[in-house]
Amino acid sequence: MISVDPASSISPTEQIRSQLEALIRTGQLIEDSRLPTVRQLAADLRVAVGTVAKAYKELEHVGMIRTGRAAGTRVNVGFITTPPVLAAAQAFARTAIDAGLDLDQAQGILATGWGSYPKSP
């Protein structure tokens, strides 16, 4: 499901948070699906319990997941990216890879394009 690269400059908490967010937004983690317990995911990823707890807390803060004593941690409704947006992102990624760009370069181009549109009210 997710992994942590100990050699990455990105913190383990951020790696976990961003991967879970991506899985939720792409619908790979469906609405109301149960996430592993903090202890279980920490053991699976070989990271500290607090690392996973912080990632879950950040996702809970933005409303992507909810935690209940009996129900565990579950994915909230309303965060799956619409299929057209996902398809466009996949097409952009394919084009960027074919052009020899790395992820940072592709994100820079996307940010430039993003800035050329007015914000919706």
C-alpha atoms as a PDB file:
ATOM      1  CA  MET A   1       0.000   0.000   0.000  1.00  0.00           C
ATOM      2  CA  ILE A   2       2.544   2.621   1.095  1.00  0.00           C
ATOM      3  CA  SER A   3       6.230   2.691   1.871  1.00  0.00           C
ATOM      4  CA  VAL A   4       8.750   4.894   3.620  1.00  0.00           C
ATOM      5  CA  ASP A   5      12.139   5.679   2.125  1.00  0.00           C
ATOM      6  CA  PRO A   6      14.532   6.302   5.030  1.00  0.00           C
ATOM      7  CA  ALA A   7      17.036   7.923   2.642  1.00  0.00           C
ATOM      8  CA  SER A   8      14.516  10.517   1.443  1.00  0.00           C
ATOM      9  CA  SER A   9      14.835  14.167   2.392  1.00  0.00           C
ATOM     10  CA  ILE A  10      11.061  14.088   3.000  1.00  0.00           C
ATOM     11  CA  SER A  11      10.147  13.183   6.571  1.00  0.00           C
ATOM     12  CA  PRO A  12       8.581   9.767   7.179  1.00  0.00           C
ATOM     13  CA  THR A  13       5.448  11.493   8.496  1.00  0.00           C
ATOM     14  CA  GLU A  14       5.069  13.474   5.266  1.00  0.00           C
ATOM     15  CA  GLN A  15       5.753  10.402   3.137  1.00  0.00           C
ATOM     16  CA  ILE A  16       2.974   8.516   4.929  1.00  0.00           C
ATOM     17  CA  ARG A  17       0.553  11.457   4.878  1.00  0.00           C
ATOM     18  CA  SER A  18       1.069  12.252   1.197  1.00  0.00           C
ATOM     19  CA  GLN A  19       0.804   8.630   0.082  1.00  0.00           C
ATOM     20  CA  LEU A  20      -2.408   8.105   2.051  1.00  0.00           C
ATOM     21  CA  GLU A  21      -3.820  11.346   0.644  1.00  0.00           C
ATOM     22  CA  ALA A  22      -3.001  10.202  -2.891  1.00  0.00           C
ATOM     23  CA  LEU A  23      -4.627   6.804  -2.289  1.00  0.00           C
ATOM     24  CA  ILE A  24      -7.759   8.540  -1.003  1.00  0.00           C
ATOM     25  CA  ARG A  25      -7.927  11.137  -3.778  1.00  0.00           C
ATOM     26  CA  THR A  26      -7.499   8.525  -6.512  1.00  0.00           C
ATOM     27  CA  GLY A  27     -10.150   6.258  -5.031  1.00  0.00           C
ATOM     28  CA  GLN A  28      -7.713   3.458  -4.252  1.00  0.00           C
ATOM     29  CA  LEU A  29      -8.861   3.838  -0.651  1.00  0.00           C
ATOM     30  CA  ILE A  30     -12.620   4.016  -0.987  1.00  0.00           C
ATOM     31  CA  GLU A  31     -14.916   6.106   1.164  1.00  0.00           C
ATOM     32  CA  ASP A  32     -15.553   4.616   4.598  1.00  0.00           C
ATOM     33  CA  SER A  33     -12.763   2.043   4.205  1.00  0.00           C
ATOM     34  CA  ARG A  34     -10.899   1.269   7.392  1.00  0.00           C
ATOM     35  CA  LEU A  35      -7.218   2.164   7.666  1.00  0.00           C
ATOM     36  CA  PRO A  36      -4.742   0.058   9.623  1.00  0.00           C
ATOM     37  CA  THR A  37      -4.333   0.949  13.276  1.00  0.00           C
ATOM     38  CA  VAL A  38      -1.516   3.338  14.088  1.00  0.00           C
ATOM     39  CA  ARG A  39       0.432   0.538  15.751  1.00  0.00           C
ATOM     40  CA  GLN A  40      -0.098  -1.873  12.865  1.00  0.00           C
ATOM     41  CA  LEU A  41       0.964   0.604  10.175  1.00  0.00           C
ATOM     42  CA  ALA A  42       3.970   1.681  12.241  1.00  0.00           C
ATOM     43  CA  ALA A  43       5.030  -1.949  12.587  1.00  0.00           C
ATOM     44  CA  ASP A  44       4.475  -2.624   8.872  1.00  0.00           C
ATOM     45  CA  LEU A  45       6.524   0.428   7.856  1.00  0.00           C
ATOM     46  CA  ARG A  46       9.089   0.011  10.645  1.00  0.00           C
ATOM     47  CA  VAL A  47       8.622   3.541  11.918  1.00  0.00           C
ATOM     48  CA  ALA A  48       7.728   4.958  15.314  1.00  0.00           C
ATOM     49  CA  VAL A  49       4.084   4.891  16.371  1.00  0.00           C
ATOM     50  CA  GLY A  50       4.206   8.679  16.775  1.00  0.00           C
ATOM     51  CA  THR A  51       5.213   9.077  13.124  1.00  0.00           C
ATOM     52  CA  VAL A  52       2.051   7.354  11.901  1.00  0.00           C
ATOM     53  CA  ALA A  53      -0.084   9.044  14.568  1.00  0.00           C
ATOM     54  CA  LYS A  54       1.085  12.465  13.361  1.00  0.00           C
ATOM     55  CA  ALA A  55       0.311  11.603   9.715  1.00  0.00           C
ATOM     56  CA  TYR A  56      -3.166  10.385  10.684  1.00  0.00           C
ATOM     57  CA  LYS A  57      -3.725  13.507  12.804  1.00  0.00           C
ATOM     58  CA  GLU A  58      -2.828  15.759   9.851  1.00  0.00           C
ATOM     59  CA  LEU A  59      -5.243  13.892   7.572  1.00  0.00           C
ATOM     60  CA  GLU A  60      -7.923  14.046  10.243  1.00  0.00           C
ATOM     61  CA  HIS A  61      -7.355  17.804  10.661  1.00  0.00           C
ATOM     62  CA  VAL A  62      -8.215  18.416   6.985  1.00  0.00           C
ATOM     63  CA  GLY A  63     -11.192  16.060   7.186  1.00  0.00           C
ATOM     64  CA  MET A  64      -9.902  13.272   4.942  1.00  0.00           C
ATOM     65  CA  ILE A  65     -10.167  10.633   7.668  1.00  0.00           C
ATOM     66  CA  ARG A  66     -12.016  10.212  10.947  1.00  0.00           C
ATOM     67  CA  THR A  67     -11.136   8.218  14.017  1.00  0.00           C
ATOM     68  CA  GLY A  68     -13.597   6.538  16.328  1.00  0.00           C
ATOM     69  CA  ARG A  69     -12.851   4.265  19.245  1.00  0.00           C
ATOM     70  CA  ALA A  70     -14.946   1.327  18.037  1.00  0.00           C
ATOM     71  CA  ALA A  71     -14.945   2.048  14.292  1.00  0.00           C
ATOM     72  CA  GLY A  72     -11.217   2.689  13.980  1.00  0.00           C
ATOM     73  CA  THR A  73      -9.790   5.136  11.461  1.00  0.00           C
ATOM     74  CA  ARG A  74     -11.845   5.463   8.285  1.00  0.00           C
ATOM     75  CA  VAL A  75     -11.771   7.436   5.034  1.00  0.00           C
ATOM     76  CA  ASN A  76     -14.274  10.297   4.928  1.00  0.00           C
ATOM     77  CA  VAL A  77     -16.628  10.980   2.033  1.00  0.00           C
ATOM     78  CA  GLY A  78     -15.932  13.640  -0.583  1.00  0.00           C
ATOM     79  CA  PHE A  79     -12.202  13.544  -1.202  1.00  0.00           C
ATOM     80  CA  ILE A  80     -11.958  11.339  -4.277  1.00  0.00           C
ATOM     81  CA  THR A  81     -10.665  13.329  -7.230  1.00  0.00           C
ATOM     82  CA  THR A  82     -13.100  13.337 -10.092  1.00  0.00           C
ATOM     83  CA  PRO A  83     -12.251  10.926 -12.918  1.00  0.00           C
ATOM     84  CA  PRO A  84     -11.618  13.707 -15.496  1.00  0.00           C
ATOM     85  CA  VAL A  85      -9.045  15.360 -13.214  1.00  0.00           C
ATOM     86  CA  LEU A  86      -7.339  12.045 -12.541  1.00  0.00           C
ATOM     87  CA  ALA A  87      -7.283  11.216 -16.268  1.00  0.00           C
ATOM     88  CA  ALA A  88      -5.786  14.627 -17.067  1.00  0.00           C
ATOM     89  CA  ALA A  89      -3.156  14.168 -14.349  1.00  0.00           C
ATOM     90  CA  GLN A  90      -2.223  10.755 -15.722  1.00  0.00           C
ATOM     91  CA  ALA A  91      -1.973  12.148 -19.257  1.00  0.00           C
ATOM     92  CA  PHE A  92       0.188  15.038 -18.031  1.00  0.00           C
ATOM     93  CA  ALA A  93       2.431  12.630 -16.119  1.00  0.00           C
ATOM     94  CA  ARG A  94       2.856  10.425 -19.209  1.00  0.00           C
ATOM     95  CA  THR A  95       3.702  13.456 -21.377  1.00  0.00           C
ATOM     96  CA  ALA A  96       6.192  14.781 -18.809  1.00  0.00           C
ATOM     97  CA  ILE A  97       7.880  11.380 -18.444  1.00  0.00           C
ATOM     98  CA  ASP A  98       8.058  10.970 -22.223  1.00  0.00           C
ATOM     99  CA  ALA A  99       9.703  14.414 -22.404  1.00  0.00           C
ATOM    100  CA  GLY A 100      12.344  13.291 -19.905  1.00  0.00           C
ATOM    101  CA  LEU A 101      11.177  15.491 -17.032  1.00  0.00           C
ATOM    102  CA  ASP A 102      11.518  14.474 -13.412  1.00  0.00           C
ATOM    103  CA  LEU A 103       8.759  14.983 -10.847  1.00  0.00           C
ATOM    104  CA  ASP A 104      10.115  18.326  -9.596  1.00  0.00           C
ATOM    105  CA  GLN A 105      10.276  19.710 -13.136  1.00  0.00           C
ATOM    106  CA  ALA A 106       6.751  18.497 -13.915  1.00  0.00           C
ATOM    107  CA  GLN A 107       5.422  20.039 -10.698  1.00  0.00           C
ATOM    108  CA  GLY A 108       7.104  23.325 -11.619  1.00  0.00           C
ATOM    109  CA  ILE A 109       5.393  23.339 -14.993  1.00  0.00           C
ATOM    110  CA  LEU A 110       2.049  22.533 -13.388  1.00  0.00           C
ATOM    111  CA  ALA A 111       2.540  25.365 -10.878  1.00  0.00           C
ATOM    112  CA  THR A 112       3.260  27.775 -13.732  1.00  0.00           C
ATOM    113  CA  GLY A 113       0.119  26.679 -15.546  1.00  0.00           C
ATOM    114  CA  TRP A 114      -1.888  26.844 -12.341  1.00  0.00           C
ATOM    115  CA  GLY A 115      -0.865  30.458 -11.810  1.00  0.00           C
ATOM    116  CA  SER A 116      -2.132  31.468 -15.240  1.00  0.00           C
ATOM    117  CA  TYR A 117      -5.786  30.871 -14.278  1.00  0.00           C
ATOM    118  CA  PRO A 118      -7.851  33.120 -12.008  1.00  0.00           C
ATOM    119  CA  LYS A 119      -8.995  31.573  -8.764  1.00  0.00           C
ATOM    120  CA  SER A 120     -12.645  30.504  -8.597  1.00  0.00           C
ATOM    121  CA  PRO A 121     -14.791  32.327  -6.032  1.00  0.00           C
END
